[in-house]
Amino acid sequence: MPKRALVEHRPYLLLSLLFAVTYFFAMDGKVGGAFLSIWKGAGVGFLAIYAAHRGVGRDGLLIAVFLLLCALADVVLEFSFLLGGALFAVAHLVAIALYLGNRRERTTGSQKAAGFALLVGTPLIAAMLTYPLDNWHLVAIYALVVGAMGASAWTSSFPRYRVGIGAILFVVSDLVIFAREAGHLSRDIAEWLVWPMYYGGQFLIATGVVQTIRHRAHLSNSAD
């Protein structure tokens, strides 16, 4: 990336990292309420700004919308678990549209198996963790959407070791939340696991997708 581009666009990523890291250390402190929820949402919110500013075409719009919805869900989740989950579900549908629109031309057997495992295993594990709690079936349905997001990311043409792993980190962070809510994992341990995996996954997804679509746009313009 040219030096001028770094100077112009690095602040969005730096601000995202700043809010994400400081939130991790502040989330169990005395700061609370609306201020903390906005602080939390700013981490992915600045990733959304980065994607909107650096993204190209339809794919750039989709990744920016996905991140924006996730940032809103981060805020709303502090007040309503159900509404926050619904926003995340919509965000995952946007991500699925992005990944399916960028499918890998050739997918190996192991890649297909991994995608199938994410698609089927995620809701199955979520159901096993939360049954027979109230609304366990809603959790399983949501987890199916999350699993589909992970599967489509892994089998997409975006780099698996950035976007694919980022999506898997997102999936695992949600499963940890389900385990916490069902009492299978202590709240303290879950709190230390969820945010780093979730934000780390989002950072990998955002930078991986944006840099890939910009590279493709550059190659297309060069060919023209």
Protein backbone atom coordinates (compact mmCIF):
# COMPACT_ATOMS: atom_id res chain seq x y z
CA MET A 1 0.00 0.00 0.00
CA PRO A 2 1.49 3.42 -0.93
CA LYS A 3 2.69 5.63 1.91
CA ARG A 4 -0.01 8.25 1.17
CA ALA A 5 -2.73 5.58 1.46
CA LEU A 6 -1.32 4.44 4.79
CA VAL A 7 -1.35 7.98 6.14
CA GLU A 8 -4.89 8.58 4.95
CA HIS A 9 -6.54 5.30 5.93
CA ARG A 10 -4.60 3.85 8.85
CA PRO A 11 -6.44 6.05 11.43
CA TYR A 12 -9.68 4.09 10.95
CA LEU A 13 -7.96 0.84 11.80
CA LEU A 14 -5.97 2.41 14.62
CA LEU A 15 -9.11 3.93 16.15
CA SER A 16 -10.85 0.58 15.83
CA LEU A 17 -8.00 -1.16 17.64
CA LEU A 18 -7.87 1.57 20.28
CA PHE A 19 -11.55 1.27 21.15
CA ALA A 20 -11.49 -2.55 20.99
CA VAL A 21 -8.47 -2.95 23.26
CA THR A 22 -9.56 -0.35 25.81
CA TYR A 23 -13.08 -1.78 25.89
CA PHE A 24 -11.67 -5.19 26.78
CA PHE A 25 -10.07 -3.74 29.91
CA ALA A 26 -12.99 -1.45 30.74
CA MET A 27 -15.91 -3.85 30.28
CA ASP A 28 -15.69 -5.21 33.84
CA GLY A 29 -14.91 -1.85 35.43
CA LYS A 30 -17.03 0.97 36.76
CA VAL A 31 -17.96 2.31 33.34
CA GLY A 32 -21.41 1.14 32.34
CA GLY A 33 -24.66 1.92 30.63
CA ALA A 34 -25.00 3.65 27.31
CA PHE A 35 -21.44 5.00 27.32
CA LEU A 36 -19.89 1.54 27.60
CA SER A 37 -22.20 0.14 24.90
CA ILE A 38 -21.16 2.89 22.48
CA TRP A 39 -17.52 2.29 23.42
CA LYS A 40 -18.04 -1.36 22.58
CA GLY A 41 -19.72 -0.62 19.24
CA ALA A 42 -16.96 1.79 18.20
CA GLY A 43 -14.47 -1.06 17.77
CA VAL A 44 -16.31 -2.64 14.84
CA GLY A 45 -17.90 0.70 13.95
CA PHE A 46 -14.54 2.09 12.82
CA LEU A 47 -13.96 -1.10 10.84
CA ALA A 48 -17.23 -0.31 9.05
CA ILE A 49 -15.98 3.21 8.30
CA TYR A 50 -12.71 1.76 7.03
CA ALA A 51 -14.62 -0.64 4.76
CA ALA A 52 -16.95 2.10 3.49
CA HIS A 53 -14.02 4.37 2.72
CA ARG A 54 -11.72 1.77 1.17
CA GLY A 55 -14.20 -0.71 -0.29
CA VAL A 56 -14.95 -0.92 -4.00
CA GLY A 57 -18.22 -1.69 -5.76
CA ARG A 58 -20.95 -4.05 -4.57
CA ASP A 59 -18.61 -6.14 -2.43
CA GLY A 60 -17.29 -3.03 -0.72
CA LEU A 61 -20.85 -1.99 0.09
CA LEU A 62 -21.74 -5.43 1.44
CA ILE A 63 -18.75 -5.67 3.78
CA ALA A 64 -19.40 -2.14 5.05
CA VAL A 65 -23.09 -2.93 5.70
CA PHE A 66 -22.17 -6.18 7.43
CA LEU A 67 -19.75 -4.43 9.78
CA LEU A 68 -22.17 -1.56 10.43
CA LEU A 69 -24.94 -3.99 11.40
CA CYS A 70 -22.53 -5.85 13.69
CA ALA A 71 -21.50 -2.59 15.34
CA LEU A 72 -25.15 -1.69 15.93
CA ALA A 73 -25.76 -5.19 17.28
CA ASP A 74 -22.85 -4.78 19.70
CA VAL A 75 -24.55 -1.70 21.14
CA VAL A 76 -28.09 -3.08 21.20
CA LEU A 77 -26.95 -6.38 22.73
CA GLU A 78 -26.16 -4.56 25.96
CA PHE A 79 -29.86 -3.72 26.34
CA SER A 80 -31.68 -6.53 24.52
CA PHE A 81 -30.14 -9.94 23.87
CA LEU A 82 -32.97 -10.89 21.49
CA LEU A 83 -32.87 -7.70 19.40
CA GLY A 84 -29.07 -7.71 19.29
CA GLY A 85 -29.13 -11.32 18.11
CA ALA A 86 -31.65 -10.40 15.40
CA LEU A 87 -29.34 -7.65 14.11
CA PHE A 88 -26.43 -10.08 14.06
CA ALA A 89 -28.57 -12.57 12.10
CA VAL A 90 -29.32 -9.93 9.46
CA ALA A 91 -25.62 -9.04 9.35
CA HIS A 92 -24.73 -12.69 8.74
CA LEU A 93 -27.21 -12.85 5.84
CA VAL A 94 -25.44 -9.86 4.28
CA ALA A 95 -22.08 -11.60 4.77
CA ILE A 96 -23.44 -14.80 3.20
CA ALA A 97 -24.52 -12.79 0.14
CA LEU A 98 -21.00 -11.36 -0.07
CA TYR A 99 -19.29 -14.75 0.20
CA LEU A 100 -21.65 -16.58 -2.14
CA GLY A 101 -21.05 -13.85 -4.70
CA ASN A 102 -17.34 -14.65 -4.47
CA ARG A 103 -17.29 -18.41 -4.52
CA ARG A 104 -14.04 -20.24 -5.12
CA GLU A 105 -13.86 -21.68 -8.64
CA ARG A 106 -12.42 -24.97 -7.40
CA THR A 107 -13.08 -26.26 -3.90
CA THR A 108 -11.15 -29.28 -2.60
CA GLY A 109 -12.77 -32.13 -0.71
CA SER A 110 -11.28 -30.99 2.59
CA GLN A 111 -12.58 -27.46 2.05
CA LYS A 112 -16.06 -28.78 1.29
CA ALA A 113 -15.90 -30.98 4.39
CA ALA A 114 -14.89 -28.03 6.56
CA GLY A 115 -17.74 -25.95 5.13
CA PHE A 116 -20.22 -28.76 5.77
CA ALA A 117 -18.94 -29.18 9.32
CA LEU A 118 -19.45 -25.47 10.00
CA LEU A 119 -22.91 -25.47 8.46
CA VAL A 120 -24.18 -28.52 10.33
CA GLY A 121 -21.96 -28.59 13.40
CA THR A 122 -22.57 -25.02 14.55
CA PRO A 123 -26.34 -25.33 15.11
CA LEU A 124 -25.94 -28.88 16.44
CA ILE A 125 -23.41 -27.80 19.08
CA ALA A 126 -25.50 -24.73 19.94
CA ALA A 127 -28.58 -26.90 20.46
CA MET A 128 -26.65 -29.37 22.61
CA LEU A 129 -25.29 -26.52 24.74
CA THR A 130 -28.58 -24.74 25.32
CA TYR A 131 -31.21 -27.52 25.43
CA PRO A 132 -33.55 -27.54 27.39
CA LEU A 133 -33.32 -23.82 28.19
CA ASP A 134 -36.09 -21.51 27.05
CA ASN A 135 -35.73 -20.45 23.42
CA TRP A 136 -33.03 -23.05 22.73
CA HIS A 137 -34.65 -23.59 19.33
CA LEU A 138 -34.18 -19.89 18.49
CA VAL A 139 -30.52 -20.25 19.44
CA ALA A 140 -30.20 -23.23 17.09
CA ILE A 141 -31.83 -21.32 14.23
CA TYR A 142 -29.52 -18.36 14.80
CA ALA A 143 -26.54 -20.72 14.98
CA LEU A 144 -27.56 -22.21 11.63
CA VAL A 145 -27.24 -18.74 10.10
CA VAL A 146 -23.88 -18.25 11.82
CA GLY A 147 -22.70 -21.65 10.58
CA ALA A 148 -23.80 -20.79 7.04
CA MET A 149 -21.80 -17.57 7.28
CA GLY A 150 -18.71 -19.49 8.40
CA ALA A 151 -19.14 -22.14 5.72
CA SER A 152 -19.63 -19.63 2.91
CA ALA A 153 -16.61 -17.61 4.10
CA TRP A 154 -14.40 -20.70 4.21
CA THR A 155 -15.37 -21.79 0.70
CA SER A 156 -15.26 -18.28 -0.79
CA SER A 157 -12.45 -16.90 -2.94
CA PHE A 158 -11.34 -14.59 -0.14
CA PRO A 159 -8.15 -15.67 1.66
CA ARG A 160 -9.04 -18.49 4.05
CA TYR A 161 -6.26 -17.72 6.48
CA ARG A 162 -7.66 -14.25 7.01
CA VAL A 163 -11.36 -14.10 6.11
CA GLY A 164 -12.00 -17.81 6.65
CA ILE A 165 -10.28 -17.92 10.03
CA GLY A 166 -11.92 -14.63 10.98
CA ALA A 167 -15.33 -16.14 10.30
CA ILE A 168 -14.45 -19.24 12.35
CA LEU A 169 -13.37 -17.05 15.26
CA PHE A 170 -16.77 -15.35 15.04
CA VAL A 171 -18.51 -18.75 15.12
CA VAL A 172 -16.49 -19.95 18.12
CA SER A 173 -17.10 -16.72 20.04
CA ASP A 174 -20.85 -17.24 19.65
CA LEU A 175 -20.59 -20.85 20.84
CA VAL A 176 -18.70 -19.65 23.91
CA ILE A 177 -21.55 -17.22 24.61
CA PHE A 178 -24.07 -20.05 24.36
CA ALA A 179 -21.97 -22.18 26.72
CA ARG A 180 -21.81 -19.28 29.17
CA GLU A 181 -25.54 -18.62 29.07
CA ALA A 182 -26.27 -22.33 29.61
CA GLY A 183 -23.91 -22.51 32.59
CA HIS A 184 -21.38 -24.83 30.94
CA LEU A 185 -18.62 -22.23 31.12
CA SER A 186 -17.90 -19.75 33.87
CA ARG A 187 -18.79 -16.15 33.11
CA ASP A 188 -15.28 -14.94 33.98
CA ILE A 189 -13.58 -17.32 31.55
CA ALA A 190 -16.13 -16.57 28.83
CA GLU A 191 -15.63 -12.82 29.19
CA TRP A 192 -11.90 -13.24 28.60
CA LEU A 193 -12.49 -15.37 25.51
CA VAL A 194 -15.44 -13.85 23.66
CA TRP A 195 -14.31 -10.30 22.93
CA PRO A 196 -10.76 -11.11 21.68
CA MET A 197 -12.08 -13.87 19.39
CA TYR A 198 -15.02 -11.80 18.15
CA TYR A 199 -13.10 -8.60 17.48
CA GLY A 200 -10.05 -10.43 16.14
CA GLY A 201 -12.32 -12.27 13.72
CA GLN A 202 -13.97 -9.04 12.60
CA PHE A 203 -10.61 -7.37 12.06
CA LEU A 204 -9.40 -10.25 9.91
CA ILE A 205 -12.64 -10.29 7.91
CA ALA A 206 -12.68 -6.52 7.33
CA THR A 207 -9.06 -6.15 6.26
CA GLY A 208 -9.02 -9.40 4.30
CA VAL A 209 -12.12 -8.58 2.25
CA VAL A 210 -11.28 -4.93 1.65
CA GLN A 211 -7.70 -5.55 0.58
CA THR A 212 -8.76 -8.41 -1.69
CA ILE A 213 -11.45 -6.46 -3.53
CA ARG A 214 -9.12 -3.48 -3.92
CA HIS A 215 -6.44 -5.74 -5.38
CA ARG A 216 -8.94 -7.24 -7.81
CA ALA A 217 -10.16 -3.78 -8.83
CA HIS A 218 -6.57 -2.70 -9.44
CA LEU A 219 -5.90 -5.74 -11.63
CA SER A 220 -9.14 -5.12 -13.55
CA ASN A 221 -8.26 -1.48 -14.17
CA SER A 222 -4.74 -2.45 -15.25
CA ALA A 223 -6.16 -4.97 -17.73
CA ASP A 224 -8.44 -2.31 -19.20
